[in-house]
Amino acid sequence: PWVSFAYQLACIGPSLRAILEMVGARYTAMAVSGLLICGSLNTITMKVAFSMKGTNLDGHQEVFQKPWFITFIMFVAMSSSLLFDKSMWRRKNGLQESLIDSSPDAGNYVRSVTWGYKVRMVSIPAVFDILATGLCSMGFLYIPASVWQLLRGAEMVFAALFAVIFLQRELFLYHWLGVGLCTCGIILVGMASVWGSGAQADTGSGGGGDVHLLLLGMGLALGGQVVQAAQVIAEEWLLTEVDLPGLQIVGFEGVWGGLIMMAFVWPLLFCLPGTDHGHLEDEREAFSMVQSNAALTTMIALYTFSCATYNMAGIAVTGALSAVHRVMLEAFRTSIVWIFGLSVHYLVDPNSPFGEAWTPYSWIEVCGFMVLMLGQAVYGEMIRLPCCTYPVGTMQPSNMASPGALRNLASPLPPARKQEANPETWASPLPSRAANP
């Protein structure tokens, strides 16, 4: 009977492996679908929420333009990742397994890093994320959703420049070509948006706005990308010993971000002068407006759900997506957001504040979008140019799934490679004519 049982197991083994591979592929496909859908929902729900109205503390209706409140909601969504991390809730050897981590022995010196130290270090990217998300959200008040989505590609440009200046990373010719193409794409998007807004204002069609506010919004959005690029550099410098699981990194960044906002950012926003009842932003008014409008409450809840799902889906597919997949996902997200805006304008309400009109300059924005995607493909070595040489060597993986890398599904920095200094070891995209025996 034992021989028969062993024979049956041997027969079942290949089938079981095939089933597990199929389940794994379907799980990855579901996670990628979650990234695409929820990533688009993040942009759409935020834009819709900024156009809705609620009742303030004085009993008057006003538009919900609370970018820093939305930033706080994002951190609340991130903190929910901790609920799905099993190691956080084990009774035995749960947190104890990661309380002490020892680095490789360098000589006779071994440094111990506690789990609590790692958790505290996650507060560093949280500070950067507060400023970056706040600036981007403020800019989102004045620019179309598609333009805001495309301007996110500027993070790669600033991250590459900072890597050269602060990390002494070496950029090859194809890196600079990719950065140049991305810069040209961003410029084309900005020009098309400004000219299109001016054309709509001249013709009196719906959707035209103040060009100065449009430029302010793009400047704030680009400023947020500068801060996010600085966050990636800070992570490379300061978080080399933080190797927490992805869910804990995202979750604790959400906890730290929420606490820092309540303790420091909200009082500062209340004290600074501004247009929100004499304050830069009054969060008491924000809570009152959300409570007074059920539709606004639903939109905030949907935004919270999409942010949480996007973060967990991104962690689930970390390492499973290639650079091609990441660029395609970003392209699809931008297309979905743009199609949504056009559909609202032409099929629902031409005067809707979150709809987008097709202008004579929209083709320039399409060209900018394509140039931006091409630049990212060249930068990430997805497209190899015959005129460039490419280094051969093993990429040095990051010690942690950093918040910056999780936001982009990969680090926007040029990879550090273990390679020889001899240029003859570099690879060319052209095939070799002959091989030495």
Protein backbone atom coordinates (compact mmCIF):
# COMPACT_ATOMS: atom_id res chain seq x y z
CA PRO A 1 0.00 0.00 0.00
CA TRP A 2 2.84 2.45 0.68
CA VAL A 3 4.20 1.86 -2.81
CA SER A 4 0.75 2.50 -4.28
CA PHE A 5 0.37 5.67 -2.18
CA ALA A 6 3.77 6.92 -3.30
CA TYR A 7 2.85 6.22 -6.93
CA GLN A 8 -0.37 8.20 -6.56
CA LEU A 9 1.51 11.15 -5.05
CA ALA A 10 4.00 11.04 -7.93
CA CYS A 11 1.11 11.20 -10.39
CA ILE A 12 -0.65 14.01 -8.53
CA GLY A 13 2.52 16.12 -8.14
CA PRO A 14 2.75 17.55 -11.69
CA SER A 15 -0.98 18.26 -11.78
CA LEU A 16 -0.80 20.01 -8.42
CA ARG A 17 2.10 22.14 -9.59
CA ALA A 18 0.17 23.11 -12.71
CA ILE A 19 -2.84 24.06 -10.60
CA LEU A 20 -0.69 26.17 -8.26
CA GLU A 21 0.95 27.92 -11.21
CA MET A 22 -2.48 28.65 -12.70
CA VAL A 23 -3.75 30.00 -9.36
CA GLY A 24 -0.62 32.14 -9.02
CA ALA A 25 -1.07 33.54 -12.52
CA ARG A 26 -4.72 34.37 -11.84
CA TYR A 27 -3.78 35.98 -8.51
CA THR A 28 -1.18 38.15 -10.25
CA ALA A 29 -3.70 39.08 -12.96
CA MET A 30 -6.21 40.11 -10.29
CA ALA A 31 -3.57 42.20 -8.52
CA VAL A 32 -2.56 43.90 -11.78
CA SER A 33 -6.24 44.63 -12.50
CA GLY A 34 -6.50 46.14 -9.03
CA LEU A 35 -3.49 48.34 -9.75
CA LEU A 36 -5.00 49.59 -13.00
CA ILE A 37 -8.55 50.15 -11.74
CA CYS A 38 -7.71 51.54 -8.29
CA GLY A 39 -4.84 53.65 -9.62
CA SER A 40 -7.26 55.33 -12.00
CA LEU A 41 -9.90 55.63 -9.29
CA ASN A 42 -7.44 57.46 -7.04
CA THR A 43 -7.17 60.28 -9.57
CA ILE A 44 -10.82 60.31 -10.62
CA THR A 45 -12.35 60.22 -7.13
CA MET A 46 -10.01 62.95 -5.91
CA LYS A 47 -10.94 65.22 -8.81
CA VAL A 48 -14.66 64.53 -8.35
CA ALA A 49 -14.43 65.21 -4.60
CA PHE A 50 -12.74 68.56 -5.24
CA SER A 51 -15.72 69.60 -7.40
CA MET A 52 -18.46 68.65 -4.90
CA LYS A 53 -20.07 70.93 -2.34
CA GLY A 54 -20.82 70.63 1.36
CA THR A 55 -22.20 72.72 4.21
CA ASN A 56 -19.58 74.52 6.29
CA LEU A 57 -19.81 75.44 9.97
CA ASP A 58 -21.60 78.70 9.08
CA GLY A 59 -24.34 76.77 7.28
CA HIS A 60 -23.33 77.88 3.80
CA GLN A 61 -22.61 75.71 0.77
CA GLU A 62 -19.06 75.80 -0.58
CA VAL A 63 -16.86 73.70 -2.85
CA PHE A 64 -14.82 71.02 -1.11
CA GLN A 65 -11.30 72.22 -1.93
CA LYS A 66 -9.39 70.59 0.91
CA PRO A 67 -6.15 69.14 -0.53
CA TRP A 68 -4.51 68.57 2.85
CA PHE A 69 -7.56 66.75 4.17
CA ILE A 70 -7.31 64.41 1.16
CA THR A 71 -3.64 63.91 2.02
CA PHE A 72 -4.65 62.83 5.52
CA ILE A 73 -7.23 60.40 4.07
CA MET A 74 -4.47 58.87 1.94
CA PHE A 75 -2.43 58.14 5.08
CA VAL A 76 -5.49 56.62 6.76
CA ALA A 77 -5.86 54.30 3.77
CA MET A 78 -2.18 53.37 3.93
CA SER A 79 -2.37 52.54 7.64
CA SER A 80 -5.09 49.98 6.91
CA SER A 81 -2.41 47.77 5.33
CA LEU A 82 -1.35 46.73 8.84
CA LEU A 83 -4.65 44.90 9.29
CA PHE A 84 -3.67 42.47 6.53
CA ASP A 85 -0.13 41.75 7.69
CA LYS A 86 -0.26 38.37 9.43
CA SER A 87 3.07 38.80 11.19
CA MET A 88 1.63 41.75 13.11
CA TRP A 89 -0.97 39.57 14.81
CA ARG A 90 0.82 36.31 15.56
CA ARG A 91 0.73 35.28 19.19
CA LYS A 92 4.01 33.47 19.10
CA ASN A 93 7.16 34.61 17.38
CA GLY A 94 5.18 37.18 15.44
CA LEU A 95 6.98 40.44 15.97
CA GLN A 96 9.81 38.67 17.75
CA GLU A 97 11.03 37.18 14.49
CA SER A 98 11.86 40.64 13.17
CA LEU A 99 12.86 42.34 16.42
CA ILE A 100 16.56 41.74 15.83
CA ASP A 101 18.24 41.68 12.45
CA SER A 102 21.98 41.35 12.07
CA SER A 103 23.87 42.71 9.11
CA PRO A 104 26.58 40.60 7.47
CA ASP A 105 29.71 40.35 9.57
CA ALA A 106 32.22 42.96 8.49
CA GLY A 107 35.36 41.92 10.30
CA ASN A 108 34.27 41.21 13.87
CA TYR A 109 31.62 43.94 13.97
CA VAL A 110 27.93 43.07 13.88
CA ARG A 111 25.25 45.71 14.28
CA SER A 112 21.83 44.80 15.60
CA VAL A 113 18.84 46.71 14.32
CA THR A 114 15.65 46.43 16.32
CA TRP A 115 12.19 46.24 14.84
CA GLY A 116 11.23 49.41 16.72
CA TYR A 117 14.13 51.29 15.15
CA LYS A 118 12.96 50.22 11.69
CA VAL A 119 9.43 51.39 12.43
CA ARG A 120 10.70 54.77 13.62
CA MET A 121 12.82 55.19 10.49
CA VAL A 122 9.73 54.83 8.31
CA SER A 123 8.66 58.24 9.66
CA ILE A 124 11.31 59.84 7.42
CA PRO A 125 9.60 59.06 4.09
CA ALA A 126 6.27 59.95 5.74
CA VAL A 127 7.44 63.56 6.17
CA PHE A 128 8.45 63.74 2.51
CA ASP A 129 5.16 62.15 1.46
CA ILE A 130 3.13 64.69 3.42
CA LEU A 131 4.77 67.60 1.63
CA ALA A 132 4.77 65.94 -1.80
CA THR A 133 1.16 64.77 -1.68
CA GLY A 134 -0.01 68.08 -0.25
CA LEU A 135 1.66 70.05 -3.04
CA CYS A 136 0.34 67.70 -5.74
CA SER A 137 -3.18 67.86 -4.27
CA MET A 138 -3.07 71.67 -4.19
CA GLY A 139 -2.00 71.69 -7.82
CA PHE A 140 -4.79 69.26 -8.70
CA LEU A 141 -7.32 71.98 -7.84
CA TYR A 142 -6.31 73.99 -10.91
CA ILE A 143 -5.33 71.50 -13.64
CA PRO A 144 -7.17 68.75 -15.56
CA ALA A 145 -6.86 65.21 -14.27
CA SER A 146 -5.04 63.93 -17.38
CA VAL A 147 -2.41 66.67 -17.15
CA TRP A 148 -1.91 65.97 -13.46
CA GLN A 149 -1.50 62.26 -14.22
CA LEU A 150 1.07 62.94 -16.94
CA LEU A 151 3.11 65.33 -14.79
CA ARG A 152 3.79 62.43 -12.43
CA GLY A 153 6.36 61.29 -14.96
CA ALA A 154 8.58 64.19 -13.90
CA GLU A 155 9.60 62.29 -10.76
CA MET A 156 11.90 60.09 -12.83
CA VAL A 157 13.65 63.15 -14.29
CA PHE A 158 14.31 64.75 -10.90
CA ALA A 159 15.27 61.42 -9.31
CA ALA A 160 17.88 60.82 -12.02
CA LEU A 161 19.38 64.28 -11.54
CA PHE A 162 19.45 63.91 -7.75
CA ALA A 163 21.06 60.48 -8.10
CA VAL A 164 23.96 62.03 -10.00
CA ILE A 165 24.35 64.94 -7.58
CA PHE A 166 23.86 63.24 -4.21
CA LEU A 167 24.41 59.50 -4.75
CA GLN A 168 27.22 59.83 -7.30
CA ARG A 169 25.40 57.43 -9.62
CA GLU A 170 26.65 57.22 -13.19
CA LEU A 171 24.19 57.90 -15.98
CA PHE A 172 24.92 56.47 -19.41
CA LEU A 173 23.97 58.06 -22.71
CA TYR A 174 20.68 56.17 -22.92
CA HIS A 175 19.76 57.44 -19.43
CA TRP A 176 20.27 61.03 -20.55
CA LEU A 177 18.30 60.41 -23.74
CA GLY A 178 15.44 59.00 -21.68
CA VAL A 179 15.53 61.98 -19.31
CA GLY A 180 15.58 64.36 -22.29
CA LEU A 181 12.61 62.67 -23.94
CA CYS A 182 10.62 62.76 -20.68
CA THR A 183 11.42 66.45 -20.27
CA CYS A 184 10.26 67.17 -23.82
CA GLY A 185 7.08 65.20 -23.21
CA ILE A 186 6.30 67.13 -20.04
CA ILE A 187 6.91 70.45 -21.83
CA LEU A 188 4.55 69.42 -24.65
CA VAL A 189 1.85 68.45 -22.14
CA GLY A 190 2.19 71.78 -20.34
CA MET A 191 2.09 73.81 -23.55
CA ALA A 192 -0.96 71.94 -24.84
CA SER A 193 -2.79 72.49 -21.55
CA VAL A 194 -2.03 76.23 -21.43
CA TRP A 195 -2.87 76.84 -25.10
CA GLY A 196 -5.99 74.68 -24.88
CA SER A 197 -7.25 76.55 -21.82
CA GLY A 198 -6.65 79.88 -23.57
CA ALA A 199 -8.50 78.69 -26.68
CA GLN A 200 -11.49 77.59 -24.59
CA ALA A 201 -11.56 80.93 -22.79
CA ASP A 202 -11.44 82.83 -26.10
CA THR A 203 -14.28 80.82 -27.64
CA GLY A 204 -16.35 80.87 -24.45
CA SER A 205 -16.75 77.09 -24.39
CA GLY A 206 -17.06 75.23 -21.12
CA GLY A 207 -13.95 74.12 -19.31
CA GLY A 208 -11.79 77.16 -19.99
CA GLY A 209 -10.04 78.53 -16.94
CA ASP A 210 -7.54 81.10 -15.72
CA VAL A 211 -4.18 80.44 -17.37
CA HIS A 212 -2.36 81.82 -14.34
CA LEU A 213 -4.10 79.34 -12.05
CA LEU A 214 -3.29 76.58 -14.54
CA LEU A 215 0.40 77.49 -14.44
CA LEU A 216 0.24 77.63 -10.65
CA GLY A 217 -1.30 74.15 -10.55
CA MET A 218 1.36 72.70 -12.84
CA GLY A 219 4.08 74.37 -10.77
CA LEU A 220 2.70 72.89 -7.55
CA ALA A 221 2.39 69.45 -9.15
CA LEU A 222 5.98 69.59 -10.40
CA GLY A 223 7.10 70.79 -6.98
CA GLY A 224 5.48 67.70 -5.50
CA GLN A 225 7.44 65.53 -7.94
CA VAL A 226 10.67 67.21 -6.82
CA VAL A 227 9.87 66.34 -3.20
CA GLN A 228 8.99 62.74 -4.14
CA ALA A 229 12.30 62.42 -5.98
CA ALA A 230 14.07 63.77 -2.89
CA GLN A 231 12.21 61.15 -0.85
CA VAL A 232 13.70 58.39 -3.00
CA ILE A 233 17.20 59.81 -2.45
CA ALA A 234 16.62 60.06 1.31
CA GLU A 235 15.47 56.43 1.37
CA GLU A 236 18.68 55.34 -0.35
CA TRP A 237 20.72 57.22 2.22
CA LEU A 238 18.87 56.56 5.45
CA LEU A 239 16.80 53.39 5.08
CA THR A 240 19.45 50.87 4.02
CA GLU A 241 18.84 48.77 7.15
CA VAL A 242 15.04 48.82 7.05
CA ASP A 243 13.89 45.49 5.66
CA LEU A 244 10.34 45.36 6.96
CA PRO A 245 7.65 43.57 4.94
CA GLY A 246 5.94 45.73 2.35
CA LEU A 247 2.62 45.85 4.21
CA GLN A 248 4.35 47.09 7.36
CA ILE A 249 6.30 49.75 5.46
CA VAL A 250 3.15 51.15 3.85
CA GLY A 251 1.09 50.74 7.01
CA PHE A 252 3.54 52.43 9.37
CA GLU A 253 4.17 55.23 6.91
CA GLY A 254 0.41 55.80 7.00
CA VAL A 255 0.40 55.79 10.81
CA TRP A 256 3.33 58.21 11.02
CA GLY A 257 1.88 60.44 8.32
CA GLY A 258 -1.50 60.67 10.04
CA LEU A 259 0.04 61.41 13.44
CA ILE A 260 2.40 64.06 12.06
CA MET A 261 -0.43 65.75 10.20
CA MET A 262 -2.68 65.90 13.26
CA ALA A 263 0.13 67.05 15.57
CA PHE A 264 1.95 69.56 13.35
CA VAL A 265 0.48 70.08 9.87
CA TRP A 266 -3.12 70.80 10.81
CA PRO A 267 -2.21 73.41 13.49
CA LEU A 268 0.20 75.02 11.01
CA LEU A 269 -2.44 75.17 8.28
CA PHE A 270 -4.88 76.71 10.77
CA CYS A 271 -2.39 79.41 11.82
CA LEU A 272 -1.23 80.38 8.33
CA PRO A 273 -3.41 83.01 6.61
CA GLY A 274 -5.36 81.92 3.56
CA THR A 275 -8.67 81.90 1.73
CA ASP A 276 -10.32 79.16 3.83
CA HIS A 277 -12.18 81.42 6.29
CA GLY A 278 -8.94 83.22 7.09
CA HIS A 279 -6.83 80.06 7.28
CA LEU A 280 -4.74 78.21 4.75
CA GLU A 281 -7.01 75.22 5.43
CA ASP A 282 -9.48 74.62 8.24
CA GLU A 283 -9.97 70.91 8.86
CA ARG A 284 -13.01 71.56 11.06
CA GLU A 285 -14.74 72.90 7.97
CA ALA A 286 -13.62 69.81 6.04
CA PHE A 287 -15.21 67.41 8.52
CA SER A 288 -18.41 69.48 8.57
CA MET A 289 -18.65 69.44 4.77
CA VAL A 290 -18.05 65.69 4.55
CA GLN A 291 -20.72 64.97 7.18
CA SER A 292 -23.30 67.22 5.48
CA ASN A 293 -23.12 65.60 2.03
CA ALA A 294 -23.74 61.87 1.69
CA ALA A 295 -22.41 61.85 -1.88
CA LEU A 296 -19.18 63.52 -0.76
CA THR A 297 -18.87 61.03 2.08
CA THR A 298 -19.28 58.18 -0.40
CA MET A 299 -16.64 59.66 -2.68
CA ILE A 300 -14.17 60.01 0.21
CA ALA A 301 -14.89 56.40 1.25
CA LEU A 302 -14.34 55.22 -2.33
CA TYR A 303 -11.06 57.13 -2.48
CA THR A 304 -9.95 55.53 0.79
CA PHE A 305 -10.81 52.06 -0.48
CA SER A 306 -9.05 52.58 -3.82
CA CYS A 307 -5.89 53.90 -2.11
CA ALA A 308 -5.75 50.95 0.29
CA THR A 309 -6.40 48.42 -2.48
CA TYR A 310 -3.83 50.02 -4.77
CA ASN A 311 -1.11 49.82 -2.10
CA MET A 312 -1.80 46.18 -1.28
CA ALA A 313 -2.05 45.20 -4.95
CA GLY A 314 1.27 46.91 -5.60
CA ILE A 315 2.90 44.92 -2.81
CA ALA A 316 1.35 41.70 -4.09
CA VAL A 317 2.93 42.05 -7.53
CA THR A 318 6.29 43.43 -6.38
CA GLY A 319 8.94 41.50 -8.29
CA ALA A 320 6.37 39.97 -10.66
CA LEU A 321 6.15 42.94 -13.03
CA SER A 322 8.82 43.88 -15.52
CA ALA A 323 9.65 47.43 -16.54
CA VAL A 324 7.49 46.97 -19.63
CA HIS A 325 4.48 46.08 -17.50
CA ARG A 326 4.98 49.11 -15.26
CA VAL A 327 5.16 51.55 -18.18
CA MET A 328 2.11 49.94 -19.80
CA LEU A 329 0.16 50.20 -16.55
CA GLU A 330 1.02 53.90 -16.24
CA ALA A 331 -0.02 54.46 -19.86
CA PHE A 332 -3.33 52.67 -19.35
CA ARG A 333 -4.03 54.62 -16.15
CA THR A 334 -3.47 57.91 -17.94
CA SER A 335 -5.68 56.79 -20.83
CA ILE A 336 -8.51 55.77 -18.48
CA VAL A 337 -8.40 59.09 -16.64
CA TRP A 338 -8.35 61.04 -19.90
CA ILE A 339 -11.18 59.02 -21.46
CA PHE A 340 -13.25 59.51 -18.30
CA GLY A 341 -12.82 63.29 -18.48
CA LEU A 342 -13.72 63.40 -22.17
CA SER A 343 -16.76 61.17 -21.62
CA VAL A 344 -18.07 63.37 -18.83
CA HIS A 345 -17.66 66.50 -20.94
CA TYR A 346 -19.28 65.17 -24.12
CA LEU A 347 -21.75 62.61 -22.80
CA VAL A 348 -22.84 63.91 -19.38
CA ASP A 349 -22.33 67.62 -18.79
CA PRO A 350 -20.14 69.97 -20.88
CA ASN A 351 -19.92 72.35 -17.91
CA SER A 352 -18.83 69.72 -15.40
CA PRO A 353 -15.71 70.83 -13.48
CA PHE A 354 -14.13 67.37 -13.73
CA GLY A 355 -14.81 66.94 -17.45
CA GLU A 356 -12.20 67.68 -20.12
CA ALA A 357 -12.79 69.09 -23.60
CA TRP A 358 -10.88 68.12 -26.73
CA THR A 359 -9.16 71.27 -27.99
CA PRO A 360 -7.15 71.95 -31.16
CA TYR A 361 -4.04 71.54 -28.99
CA SER A 362 -5.01 68.18 -27.49
CA TRP A 363 -3.02 66.44 -30.23
CA ILE A 364 0.08 68.10 -28.79
CA GLU A 365 -0.78 66.58 -25.42
CA VAL A 366 -1.13 63.17 -27.09
CA CYS A 367 2.31 63.62 -28.65
CA GLY A 368 3.70 64.64 -25.26
CA PHE A 369 2.16 61.55 -23.72
CA MET A 370 3.79 59.30 -26.34
CA VAL A 371 7.17 61.03 -26.01
CA LEU A 372 6.96 60.66 -22.21
CA MET A 373 6.26 56.93 -22.47
CA LEU A 374 9.09 56.55 -25.01
CA GLY A 375 11.48 58.33 -22.64
CA GLN A 376 10.59 56.01 -19.79
CA ALA A 377 11.08 52.99 -22.07
CA VAL A 378 14.53 54.20 -23.14
CA TYR A 379 15.52 55.07 -19.57
CA GLY A 380 14.46 51.65 -18.30
CA GLU A 381 16.35 49.79 -21.07
CA MET A 382 13.14 48.43 -22.56
CA ILE A 383 14.14 49.98 -25.87
CA ARG A 384 17.83 49.57 -26.67
CA LEU A 385 19.26 52.10 -29.10
CA PRO A 386 21.99 51.04 -31.56
CA CYS A 387 23.95 54.23 -30.88
CA CYS A 388 24.31 53.52 -27.16
CA THR A 389 26.36 51.09 -25.12
CA TYR A 390 24.82 49.35 -22.14
CA PRO A 391 26.64 48.20 -18.99
CA VAL A 392 26.91 44.52 -18.18
CA GLY A 393 26.66 43.59 -14.53
CA THR A 394 24.35 42.50 -11.78
CA MET A 395 21.99 45.15 -10.50
CA GLN A 396 22.37 45.76 -6.80
CA PRO A 397 18.88 45.26 -5.35
CA SER A 398 17.54 47.63 -2.77
CA ASN A 399 17.58 46.40 0.82
CA MET A 400 13.96 47.36 1.29
CA ALA A 401 10.73 47.74 -0.57
CA SER A 402 10.81 51.48 0.00
CA PRO A 403 7.71 53.66 -0.03
CA GLY A 404 9.08 55.49 -3.07
CA ALA A 405 9.62 52.23 -4.92
CA LEU A 406 6.20 50.91 -3.93
CA ARG A 407 4.57 54.10 -5.21
CA ASN A 408 6.17 53.57 -8.64
CA LEU A 409 6.20 49.74 -8.46
CA ALA A 410 9.98 50.15 -8.89
CA SER A 411 12.63 52.65 -7.85
CA PRO A 412 12.95 55.53 -10.37
CA LEU A 413 16.69 55.72 -9.65
CA PRO A 414 19.22 54.36 -12.13
CA PRO A 415 20.33 50.99 -10.77
CA ALA A 416 23.66 50.54 -9.03
CA ARG A 417 25.51 47.78 -10.87
CA LYS A 418 28.41 45.58 -9.98
CA GLN A 419 30.47 45.91 -13.11
CA GLU A 420 34.06 46.12 -14.23
CA ALA A 421 35.54 49.46 -15.09
CA ASN A 422 36.76 48.19 -18.47
CA PRO A 423 34.46 49.54 -21.20
CA GLU A 424 35.04 46.36 -23.18
CA THR A 425 32.71 44.58 -20.73
CA TRP A 426 29.81 46.83 -21.69
CA ALA A 427 27.12 45.37 -23.87
CA SER A 428 26.03 46.81 -27.17
CA PRO A 429 22.52 46.30 -28.55
CA LEU A 430 24.10 45.34 -31.88
CA PRO A 431 24.90 41.65 -32.47
CA SER A 432 28.53 40.63 -32.40
CA ARG A 433 30.04 39.80 -35.79
CA ALA A 434 32.34 37.09 -34.53
CA ALA A 435 33.13 35.32 -31.32
CA ASN A 436 36.57 34.35 -30.14
CA PRO A 437 36.98 30.59 -29.59
